[in-house]
C-alpha cells in the first residue's frame, strides 16, 4: 500500500500541474523579477525530486541539466517550459518507483551518502518536498496574475477525493 505521505506528495504534484494548465511557452519563460519564471519553477522542483529520490539514494541523475538550470543557489534561468515539463515527467515517474517502497519504518531512517548521514529523515525529506510544491504553487499563481490570467484554479482542489486523510497503519 502506498504510504499516506506519498499520496500527499502526489496530490501536491497534481495541484502544481493543474495550476499551470494553459501556460504557454512564452509565458512560462517570462520573469517578473525578483520572482522566478514558471519554467524555472518546474525545473527547480524537478531538480529536488531528482536529488531526493534518485541521486541521494541511488546515485542516479536522469536529467543533469536541471542541476545547472535550477539547483539551489544557481543563477536565475528561463529554460524551455516544454523541456522542463518533459524532464519533470521523466524524473517523477522514476522517483515514484522509489517512493512506493517507503513505509512508516523507512520514513524514520536517514540516507548515508559517501559515509555521511543526511540530517533529515526520509519522512522529513518527503514533507519538505510536498511543502516545496505548495510554496511554488503560490509563486506560480502570482506570476499568472501578473501575466493577466483570469479565473485561476481554486486551491486546494479535490483533496478529499484524491488524497484524503488516511491513518498510518504500518
Protein backbone atom coordinates (compact mmCIF):
# COMPACT_ATOMS: atom_id res chain seq x y z
CA UNK A 1 0.00 0.00 0.00
CA UNK A 2 1.24 3.48 -0.86
CA UNK A 3 2.16 5.45 2.26
CA UNK A 4 -0.25 8.33 3.04
CA UNK A 5 2.56 10.92 2.89
CA UNK A 6 3.44 9.74 -0.62
CA UNK A 7 -0.20 10.23 -1.59
CA UNK A 8 0.00 13.79 -0.26
CA UNK A 9 3.11 14.46 -2.37
CA UNK A 10 1.34 13.13 -5.43
CA UNK A 11 -1.62 15.37 -4.69
CA UNK A 12 0.67 18.41 -4.39
CA UNK A 13 2.23 17.45 -7.73
CA UNK A 14 -1.20 17.20 -9.35
CA UNK A 15 -2.19 20.60 -7.97
CA UNK A 16 1.04 22.07 -9.37
CA UNK A 17 0.19 20.67 -12.80
CA UNK A 18 -3.44 21.81 -12.53
CA UNK A 19 -2.34 25.30 -11.52
CA UNK A 20 -0.17 25.66 -14.61
CA UNK A 21 -2.59 24.29 -17.18
CA UNK A 22 -2.75 26.59 -20.19
CA UNK A 23 0.53 28.44 -19.58
CA UNK A 24 2.24 28.95 -22.94
CA UNK A 25 5.93 28.50 -23.68
CA UNK A 26 6.43 32.27 -23.88
CA UNK A 27 4.53 32.87 -20.63
CA UNK A 28 6.43 30.09 -18.90
CA UNK A 29 9.75 31.74 -19.70
CA UNK A 30 8.70 35.23 -18.66
CA UNK A 31 10.30 36.52 -15.49
CA UNK A 32 8.95 39.23 -13.22
CA UNK A 33 11.99 39.99 -11.11
CA UNK A 34 12.75 39.15 -8.41
CA UNK A 35 10.37 36.20 -8.84
CA UNK A 36 11.36 33.19 -10.88
CA UNK A 37 9.90 32.18 -14.22
CA UNK A 38 7.35 29.38 -14.22
CA UNK A 39 9.70 27.26 -16.35
CA UNK A 40 12.37 27.68 -13.67
CA UNK A 41 9.87 26.54 -11.00
CA UNK A 42 9.17 23.35 -12.97
CA UNK A 43 12.91 22.79 -13.40
CA UNK A 44 13.59 23.53 -9.73
CA UNK A 45 11.04 21.02 -8.45
CA UNK A 46 12.42 18.50 -10.95
CA UNK A 47 15.89 19.15 -9.53
CA UNK A 48 14.72 18.48 -5.97
CA UNK A 49 12.72 15.37 -6.89
CA UNK A 50 15.76 14.01 -8.71
CA UNK A 51 18.10 14.92 -5.83
CA UNK A 52 15.93 13.39 -3.11
CA UNK A 53 14.51 10.29 -4.74
CA UNK A 54 17.10 9.33 -7.38
CA UNK A 55 20.52 10.89 -6.76
CA UNK A 56 20.73 10.71 -2.97
CA UNK A 57 19.52 7.12 -2.52
CA UNK A 58 20.76 5.59 -5.81
CA UNK A 59 23.33 7.93 -7.36
CA UNK A 60 21.07 8.34 -10.43
CA UNK A 61 20.98 11.59 -12.40
CA UNK A 62 18.38 11.25 -15.17
CA UNK A 63 18.33 14.91 -16.21
CA UNK A 64 21.71 16.53 -15.42
CA UNK A 65 20.75 19.89 -16.93
CA UNK A 66 18.27 20.68 -14.16
CA UNK A 67 21.16 20.68 -11.69
CA UNK A 68 22.69 23.67 -13.51
CA UNK A 69 19.44 25.32 -14.61
CA UNK A 70 17.57 25.30 -11.33
CA UNK A 71 19.57 23.79 -8.49
CA UNK A 72 19.55 25.59 -5.16
CA UNK A 73 21.83 28.63 -5.30
CA UNK A 74 22.20 28.63 -9.08
CA UNK A 75 21.62 31.87 -11.02
CA UNK A 76 18.11 32.56 -12.32
CA UNK A 77 17.27 30.99 -15.69
CA UNK A 78 14.32 30.89 -18.07
CA UNK A 79 14.53 27.43 -19.66
CA UNK A 80 12.08 25.99 -22.13
CA UNK A 81 8.80 25.21 -20.39
CA UNK A 82 8.10 22.22 -22.65
CA UNK A 83 11.55 20.77 -21.99
CA UNK A 84 11.16 21.23 -18.24
CA UNK A 85 7.75 19.54 -18.22
CA UNK A 86 9.29 16.61 -20.11
CA UNK A 87 12.13 16.46 -17.57
CA UNK A 88 9.65 16.68 -14.68
CA UNK A 89 7.57 13.80 -16.04
CA UNK A 90 10.67 11.66 -16.58
CA UNK A 91 12.03 12.30 -13.08
CA UNK A 92 8.76 11.99 -11.18
CA UNK A 93 7.92 8.74 -12.96
CA UNK A 94 11.30 7.30 -11.93
CA UNK A 95 11.00 8.75 -8.42
CA UNK A 96 7.63 7.06 -7.93
CA UNK A 97 9.31 3.66 -8.07
CA UNK A 98 11.41 4.61 -5.03
CA UNK A 99 8.53 6.34 -3.26
CA UNK A 100 6.43 3.17 -3.47
CA UNK A 101 8.98 1.40 -1.24
CA UNK A 102 8.54 3.84 1.66
CA UNK A 103 6.68 2.88 4.79
CA UNK A 104 6.40 4.28 8.32
CA UNK A 105 9.57 2.49 9.39
CA UNK A 106 11.74 3.54 6.44
CA UNK A 107 10.50 7.14 6.72
CA UNK A 108 12.28 7.41 10.07
CA UNK A 109 15.64 6.42 8.56
CA UNK A 110 18.35 8.70 7.23
CA UNK A 111 20.26 8.25 3.98
CA UNK A 112 24.01 7.78 4.14
CA UNK A 113 25.91 9.34 1.24
CA UNK A 114 29.66 8.88 0.89
CA UNK A 115 29.83 7.85 4.54
CA UNK A 116 27.89 10.89 5.78
CA UNK A 117 24.42 10.57 7.28
CA UNK A 118 21.99 13.18 5.99
CA UNK A 119 20.45 15.29 8.78
CA UNK A 120 16.83 14.84 7.64
CA UNK A 121 14.95 11.57 7.78
CA UNK A 122 13.27 10.29 4.63
CA UNK A 123 9.95 11.34 6.17
CA UNK A 124 11.17 14.90 6.69
CA UNK A 125 12.51 14.94 3.13
CA UNK A 126 9.12 13.77 1.88
CA UNK A 127 7.33 16.51 3.82
CA UNK A 128 9.85 19.14 2.65
CA UNK A 129 9.25 18.10 -0.98
CA UNK A 130 5.47 18.30 -0.55
CA UNK A 131 5.61 21.72 1.13
CA UNK A 132 8.05 22.91 -1.53
CA UNK A 133 5.40 22.21 -4.16
CA UNK A 134 2.85 24.30 -2.25
CA UNK A 135 5.35 27.17 -2.00
CA UNK A 136 5.86 27.22 -5.76
CA UNK A 137 2.14 26.75 -6.45
CA UNK A 138 1.60 30.07 -4.71
CA UNK A 139 4.50 31.72 -6.51
CA UNK A 140 3.33 30.43 -9.88
CA UNK A 141 -0.18 31.76 -9.32
CA UNK A 142 1.26 35.20 -8.53
CA UNK A 143 3.16 35.07 -11.84
CA UNK A 144 -0.01 34.03 -13.65
CA UNK A 145 -1.83 37.02 -12.15
CA UNK A 146 0.97 39.32 -13.37
CA UNK A 147 0.59 37.73 -16.80
CA UNK A 148 -3.06 38.82 -16.72
CA UNK A 149 -4.55 35.35 -16.40
CA UNK A 150 -8.11 35.26 -15.07
CA UNK A 151 -10.22 32.53 -13.49
CA UNK A 152 -7.24 30.75 -11.98
CA UNK A 153 -7.83 27.40 -10.24
CA UNK A 154 -9.07 27.42 -6.67
CA UNK A 155 -6.71 25.87 -4.19
CA UNK A 156 -6.78 23.38 -2.60
CA UNK A 157 -8.64 21.22 -5.11
CA UNK A 158 -10.36 17.88 -4.59
CA UNK A 159 -8.19 16.71 -1.70
CA UNK A 160 -10.92 14.57 -0.14
CA UNK A 161 -11.44 12.66 -3.36
CA UNK A 162 -7.79 12.46 -4.42
CA UNK A 163 -5.76 12.42 -1.20
CA UNK A 164 -7.97 12.17 1.89
CA UNK A 165 -6.59 11.67 5.34
CA UNK A 166 -5.54 8.04 5.78
CA UNK A 167 -4.34 6.74 9.10
CA UNK A 168 -0.84 5.31 9.04
CA UNK A 169 -1.12 1.61 9.76
CA UNK A 170 2.31 0.13 9.12
